[in-house]
Amino acid sequence: RGYLMSNYAKFVRPGYTRVDATANPKTNVYVSAYSGSGKTIIVAVNTGNNNATQQFALENVSVTSVTPYVTSENDNLAAKPSVTLNPDIDAFKFILPAKSVVTFVSN
């Protein structure tokens, strides 16, 4: 439980503002987003028993890449390689592990 809370507490800091995000873009996937201190933070939760490929589109921000931090059955807030946004559509895709929380931090 501590690692799950860390996906929020470590990255969504006091003074950050929650921004619009599609809360439930597909079955078993829940998303919230935050902005502050020049960063954009996206928290995605996959409550399903299977991996879920999810596209994240960012609007009105100048972000070129994000670093995912994964908490799952196999990872405890583990930093994964940065993901570069497709500049043509300001979006990226990521495979959310089953029963996981993934926090994306803009670089």
N, C-alpha and C. Protein backbone atom coordinates (compact mmCIF):
# COMPACT_ATOMS: atom_id res chain seq x y z
N ARG A 1 0.82 -1.20 0.00
CA ARG A 1 0.00 0.00 0.00
C ARG A 1 0.86 1.25 0.00
N GLY A 2 1.98 1.20 0.69
CA GLY A 2 2.85 2.37 0.75
C GLY A 2 3.37 2.77 -0.62
N TYR A 3 3.77 1.79 -1.42
CA TYR A 3 4.26 2.11 -2.76
C TYR A 3 3.15 2.68 -3.63
N LEU A 4 1.94 2.18 -3.46
CA LEU A 4 0.82 2.74 -4.23
C LEU A 4 0.62 4.21 -3.90
N MET A 5 0.65 4.56 -2.63
CA MET A 5 0.49 5.96 -2.23
C MET A 5 1.66 6.80 -2.71
N SER A 6 2.84 6.20 -2.79
CA SER A 6 4.02 6.93 -3.25
C SER A 6 3.87 7.40 -4.69
N ASN A 7 3.10 6.67 -5.50
CA ASN A 7 2.89 7.10 -6.87
C ASN A 7 2.25 8.49 -6.92
N TYR A 8 1.51 8.83 -5.89
CA TYR A 8 0.93 10.17 -5.80
C TYR A 8 1.83 11.08 -4.95
N ALA A 9 2.13 10.66 -3.73
CA ALA A 9 2.79 11.53 -2.76
C ALA A 9 4.18 11.99 -3.20
N LYS A 10 4.92 11.18 -3.89
CA LYS A 10 6.27 11.55 -4.29
C LYS A 10 6.27 12.57 -5.42
N PHE A 11 5.26 12.55 -6.28
CA PHE A 11 5.30 13.38 -7.48
C PHE A 11 4.26 14.50 -7.50
N VAL A 12 3.11 14.30 -6.90
CA VAL A 12 2.08 15.34 -6.85
C VAL A 12 2.30 16.11 -5.55
N ARG A 13 2.96 17.25 -5.69
CA ARG A 13 3.42 18.00 -4.51
C ARG A 13 2.43 19.10 -4.14
N PRO A 14 2.53 19.60 -2.90
CA PRO A 14 1.67 20.72 -2.49
C PRO A 14 1.79 21.88 -3.48
N GLY A 15 0.67 22.46 -3.82
CA GLY A 15 0.64 23.56 -4.77
C GLY A 15 0.36 23.12 -6.20
N TYR A 16 0.45 21.83 -6.48
CA TYR A 16 0.12 21.34 -7.82
C TYR A 16 -1.39 21.44 -8.01
N THR A 17 -1.79 21.57 -9.24
CA THR A 17 -3.20 21.70 -9.58
C THR A 17 -3.64 20.50 -10.40
N ARG A 18 -4.81 19.97 -10.08
CA ARG A 18 -5.35 18.88 -10.89
C ARG A 18 -5.86 19.48 -12.19
N VAL A 19 -5.55 18.82 -13.30
CA VAL A 19 -5.98 19.29 -14.61
C VAL A 19 -6.89 18.26 -15.25
N ASP A 20 -7.61 18.68 -16.28
CA ASP A 20 -8.56 17.78 -16.94
C ASP A 20 -7.88 16.57 -17.53
N ALA A 21 -8.49 15.44 -17.34
CA ALA A 21 -8.05 14.18 -17.94
C ALA A 21 -9.28 13.28 -18.05
N THR A 22 -9.30 12.45 -19.06
CA THR A 22 -10.39 11.48 -19.19
C THR A 22 -10.23 10.48 -18.05
N ALA A 23 -11.16 10.51 -17.12
CA ALA A 23 -11.03 9.75 -15.88
C ALA A 23 -11.02 8.24 -16.08
N ASN A 24 -11.80 7.74 -17.05
CA ASN A 24 -11.93 6.30 -17.27
C ASN A 24 -11.89 6.04 -18.78
N PRO A 25 -10.68 6.14 -19.40
CA PRO A 25 -10.59 6.04 -20.85
C PRO A 25 -10.93 4.67 -21.42
N LYS A 26 -10.81 3.63 -20.62
CA LYS A 26 -11.22 2.29 -21.05
C LYS A 26 -11.51 1.47 -19.80
N THR A 27 -12.12 0.33 -19.98
CA THR A 27 -12.48 -0.53 -18.85
C THR A 27 -11.26 -0.83 -18.00
N ASN A 28 -11.39 -0.64 -16.70
CA ASN A 28 -10.37 -0.93 -15.68
C ASN A 28 -9.20 0.05 -15.67
N VAL A 29 -9.23 1.10 -16.47
CA VAL A 29 -8.15 2.09 -16.47
C VAL A 29 -8.70 3.42 -15.97
N TYR A 30 -8.00 4.01 -14.99
CA TYR A 30 -8.41 5.28 -14.40
C TYR A 30 -7.22 6.23 -14.44
N VAL A 31 -7.48 7.49 -14.81
CA VAL A 31 -6.40 8.44 -15.03
C VAL A 31 -6.71 9.76 -14.32
N SER A 32 -5.68 10.36 -13.73
CA SER A 32 -5.76 11.73 -13.24
C SER A 32 -4.47 12.42 -13.63
N ALA A 33 -4.51 13.76 -13.73
CA ALA A 33 -3.34 14.51 -14.16
C ALA A 33 -3.21 15.77 -13.32
N TYR A 34 -1.95 16.21 -13.18
CA TYR A 34 -1.64 17.34 -12.30
C TYR A 34 -0.55 18.19 -12.95
N SER A 35 -0.51 19.47 -12.56
CA SER A 35 0.49 20.39 -13.10
C SER A 35 1.03 21.25 -11.96
N GLY A 36 2.33 21.49 -11.99
CA GLY A 36 2.95 22.35 -11.00
C GLY A 36 4.45 22.35 -11.13
N SER A 37 5.09 23.42 -10.71
CA SER A 37 6.55 23.55 -10.74
C SER A 37 7.13 23.21 -12.11
N GLY A 38 6.40 23.58 -13.18
CA GLY A 38 6.87 23.33 -14.53
C GLY A 38 6.79 21.89 -14.98
N LYS A 39 6.12 21.05 -14.23
CA LYS A 39 6.00 19.63 -14.59
C LYS A 39 4.54 19.26 -14.83
N THR A 40 4.37 18.22 -15.62
CA THR A 40 3.07 17.60 -15.82
C THR A 40 3.17 16.18 -15.30
N ILE A 41 2.22 15.79 -14.48
CA ILE A 41 2.19 14.47 -13.86
C ILE A 41 0.90 13.77 -14.27
N ILE A 42 1.01 12.53 -14.73
CA ILE A 42 -0.16 11.72 -15.06
C ILE A 42 -0.08 10.45 -14.21
N VAL A 43 -1.16 10.13 -13.53
CA VAL A 43 -1.23 8.89 -12.75
C VAL A 43 -2.28 8.01 -13.38
N ALA A 44 -1.87 6.80 -13.79
CA ALA A 44 -2.78 5.85 -14.42
C ALA A 44 -2.86 4.59 -13.58
N VAL A 45 -4.07 4.13 -13.34
CA VAL A 45 -4.31 2.94 -12.53
C VAL A 45 -4.98 1.90 -13.43
N ASN A 46 -4.40 0.70 -13.48
CA ASN A 46 -5.02 -0.41 -14.20
C ASN A 46 -5.47 -1.42 -13.16
N THR A 47 -6.77 -1.52 -12.94
CA THR A 47 -7.30 -2.45 -11.95
C THR A 47 -7.58 -3.83 -12.53
N GLY A 48 -7.38 -3.98 -13.83
CA GLY A 48 -7.69 -5.24 -14.50
C GLY A 48 -6.63 -6.31 -14.29
N ASN A 49 -6.99 -7.52 -14.65
CA ASN A 49 -6.10 -8.67 -14.53
C ASN A 49 -5.18 -8.83 -15.73
N ASN A 50 -5.32 -7.97 -16.73
CA ASN A 50 -4.50 -8.02 -17.94
C ASN A 50 -3.81 -6.69 -18.18
N ASN A 51 -2.70 -6.72 -18.90
CA ASN A 51 -2.04 -5.49 -19.32
C ASN A 51 -3.01 -4.69 -20.18
N ALA A 52 -2.85 -3.36 -20.17
CA ALA A 52 -3.71 -2.49 -20.97
C ALA A 52 -2.85 -1.47 -21.70
N THR A 53 -2.93 -1.46 -23.03
CA THR A 53 -2.23 -0.45 -23.81
C THR A 53 -3.08 0.81 -23.82
N GLN A 54 -2.47 1.92 -23.39
CA GLN A 54 -3.22 3.17 -23.28
C GLN A 54 -2.45 4.28 -23.97
N GLN A 55 -3.16 5.10 -24.74
CA GLN A 55 -2.55 6.29 -25.34
C GLN A 55 -2.87 7.48 -24.46
N PHE A 56 -1.88 8.34 -24.26
CA PHE A 56 -2.03 9.55 -23.48
C PHE A 56 -1.72 10.73 -24.38
N ALA A 57 -2.68 11.62 -24.57
CA ALA A 57 -2.50 12.81 -25.40
C ALA A 57 -2.41 14.02 -24.47
N LEU A 58 -1.41 14.85 -24.68
CA LEU A 58 -1.22 16.04 -23.85
C LEU A 58 -1.55 17.27 -24.66
N GLU A 59 -2.34 18.16 -24.07
CA GLU A 59 -2.73 19.39 -24.75
C GLU A 59 -2.25 20.59 -23.97
N ASN A 60 -1.84 21.62 -24.69
CA ASN A 60 -1.45 22.90 -24.10
C ASN A 60 -0.27 22.81 -23.14
N VAL A 61 0.62 21.87 -23.38
CA VAL A 61 1.86 21.78 -22.61
C VAL A 61 2.99 21.48 -23.58
N SER A 62 4.19 21.87 -23.21
CA SER A 62 5.34 21.59 -24.07
C SER A 62 6.18 20.49 -23.43
N VAL A 63 5.75 19.27 -23.64
CA VAL A 63 6.41 18.09 -23.08
C VAL A 63 6.91 17.25 -24.25
N THR A 64 8.17 16.81 -24.17
CA THR A 64 8.71 15.97 -25.24
C THR A 64 8.86 14.51 -24.80
N SER A 65 8.99 14.28 -23.48
CA SER A 65 9.10 12.92 -22.99
C SER A 65 8.62 12.84 -21.55
N VAL A 66 8.32 11.62 -21.11
CA VAL A 66 7.90 11.37 -19.73
C VAL A 66 8.66 10.16 -19.20
N THR A 67 8.86 10.14 -17.90
CA THR A 67 9.47 8.99 -17.25
C THR A 67 8.38 8.26 -16.47
N PRO A 68 8.14 6.98 -16.77
CA PRO A 68 7.14 6.22 -16.02
C PRO A 68 7.75 5.60 -14.75
N TYR A 69 6.98 5.64 -13.68
CA TYR A 69 7.34 4.99 -12.41
C TYR A 69 6.23 3.98 -12.13
N VAL A 70 6.59 2.70 -12.04
CA VAL A 70 5.61 1.63 -12.00
C VAL A 70 5.57 0.95 -10.63
N THR A 71 4.36 0.79 -10.13
CA THR A 71 4.11 -0.05 -8.95
C THR A 71 3.16 -1.15 -9.41
N SER A 72 3.63 -2.39 -9.29
CA SER A 72 2.84 -3.54 -9.74
C SER A 72 3.24 -4.75 -8.91
N GLU A 73 2.81 -5.91 -9.34
CA GLU A 73 3.18 -7.14 -8.65
C GLU A 73 4.70 -7.33 -8.65
N ASN A 74 5.36 -6.84 -9.71
CA ASN A 74 6.80 -7.05 -9.86
C ASN A 74 7.66 -5.83 -9.59
N ASP A 75 7.08 -4.65 -9.48
CA ASP A 75 7.84 -3.41 -9.32
C ASP A 75 7.31 -2.59 -8.16
N ASN A 76 8.22 -1.92 -7.46
CA ASN A 76 7.85 -1.03 -6.37
C ASN A 76 8.35 0.37 -6.70
N LEU A 77 7.50 1.17 -7.32
CA LEU A 77 7.82 2.53 -7.75
C LEU A 77 9.11 2.56 -8.56
N ALA A 78 9.21 1.63 -9.50
CA ALA A 78 10.41 1.47 -10.31
C ALA A 78 10.40 2.42 -11.50
N ALA A 79 11.49 3.18 -11.64
CA ALA A 79 11.63 4.06 -12.80
C ALA A 79 11.92 3.21 -14.03
N LYS A 80 11.22 3.49 -15.09
CA LYS A 80 11.40 2.80 -16.36
C LYS A 80 12.01 3.79 -17.36
N PRO A 81 12.49 3.29 -18.51
CA PRO A 81 13.07 4.20 -19.50
C PRO A 81 12.05 5.26 -19.95
N SER A 82 12.56 6.46 -20.22
CA SER A 82 11.70 7.55 -20.68
C SER A 82 11.00 7.18 -21.97
N VAL A 83 9.81 7.75 -22.13
CA VAL A 83 8.99 7.54 -23.32
C VAL A 83 8.88 8.88 -24.04
N THR A 84 9.21 8.90 -25.32
CA THR A 84 9.14 10.12 -26.11
C THR A 84 7.76 10.27 -26.73
N LEU A 85 7.22 11.48 -26.66
CA LEU A 85 5.92 11.74 -27.27
C LEU A 85 6.06 11.82 -28.78
N ASN A 86 5.04 11.37 -29.48
CA ASN A 86 4.96 11.54 -30.92
C ASN A 86 4.68 13.02 -31.16
N PRO A 87 5.62 13.76 -31.76
CA PRO A 87 5.43 15.21 -31.90
C PRO A 87 4.29 15.60 -32.83
N ASP A 88 3.88 14.70 -33.71
CA ASP A 88 2.79 15.02 -34.64
C ASP A 88 1.44 15.09 -33.93
N ILE A 89 1.30 14.32 -32.86
CA ILE A 89 0.00 14.28 -32.16
C ILE A 89 0.13 14.58 -30.66
N ASP A 90 1.35 14.94 -30.19
CA ASP A 90 1.58 15.23 -28.76
C ASP A 90 1.00 14.13 -27.88
N ALA A 91 1.36 12.89 -28.19
CA ALA A 91 0.83 11.75 -27.45
C ALA A 91 1.88 10.65 -27.36
N PHE A 92 1.65 9.74 -26.43
CA PHE A 92 2.50 8.56 -26.30
C PHE A 92 1.62 7.39 -25.88
N LYS A 93 2.10 6.18 -26.17
CA LYS A 93 1.41 4.96 -25.75
C LYS A 93 2.27 4.25 -24.72
N PHE A 94 1.61 3.56 -23.80
CA PHE A 94 2.32 2.81 -22.77
C PHE A 94 1.48 1.60 -22.40
N ILE A 95 2.14 0.49 -22.15
CA ILE A 95 1.44 -0.72 -21.69
C ILE A 95 1.41 -0.70 -20.17
N LEU A 96 0.22 -0.51 -19.62
CA LEU A 96 0.04 -0.51 -18.17
C LEU A 96 -0.02 -1.96 -17.70
N PRO A 97 0.88 -2.37 -16.81
CA PRO A 97 0.82 -3.75 -16.32
C PRO A 97 -0.50 -4.02 -15.60
N ALA A 98 -0.88 -5.27 -15.53
CA ALA A 98 -2.07 -5.67 -14.79
C ALA A 98 -1.94 -5.24 -13.34
N LYS A 99 -3.05 -4.79 -12.78
CA LYS A 99 -3.12 -4.40 -11.36
C LYS A 99 -1.93 -3.53 -10.97
N SER A 100 -1.85 -2.36 -11.61
CA SER A 100 -0.71 -1.48 -11.40
C SER A 100 -1.13 -0.03 -11.26
N VAL A 101 -0.20 0.77 -10.74
CA VAL A 101 -0.29 2.22 -10.76
C VAL A 101 0.97 2.71 -11.44
N VAL A 102 0.82 3.57 -12.44
CA VAL A 102 1.97 4.11 -13.16
C VAL A 102 1.87 5.63 -13.12
N THR A 103 2.93 6.27 -12.67
CA THR A 103 3.00 7.73 -12.66
C THR A 103 3.97 8.16 -13.74
N PHE A 104 3.52 9.06 -14.61
CA PHE A 104 4.35 9.60 -15.67
C PHE A 104 4.75 11.02 -15.28
N VAL A 105 6.04 11.29 -15.27
CA VAL A 105 6.56 12.60 -14.89
C VAL A 105 7.22 13.22 -16.12
N SER A 106 6.80 14.44 -16.47
CA SER A 106 7.37 15.08 -17.65
C SER A 106 8.84 15.41 -17.41
N ASN A 107 9.61 15.34 -18.50
CA ASN A 107 11.05 15.64 -18.45
C ASN A 107 11.30 17.01 -19.06
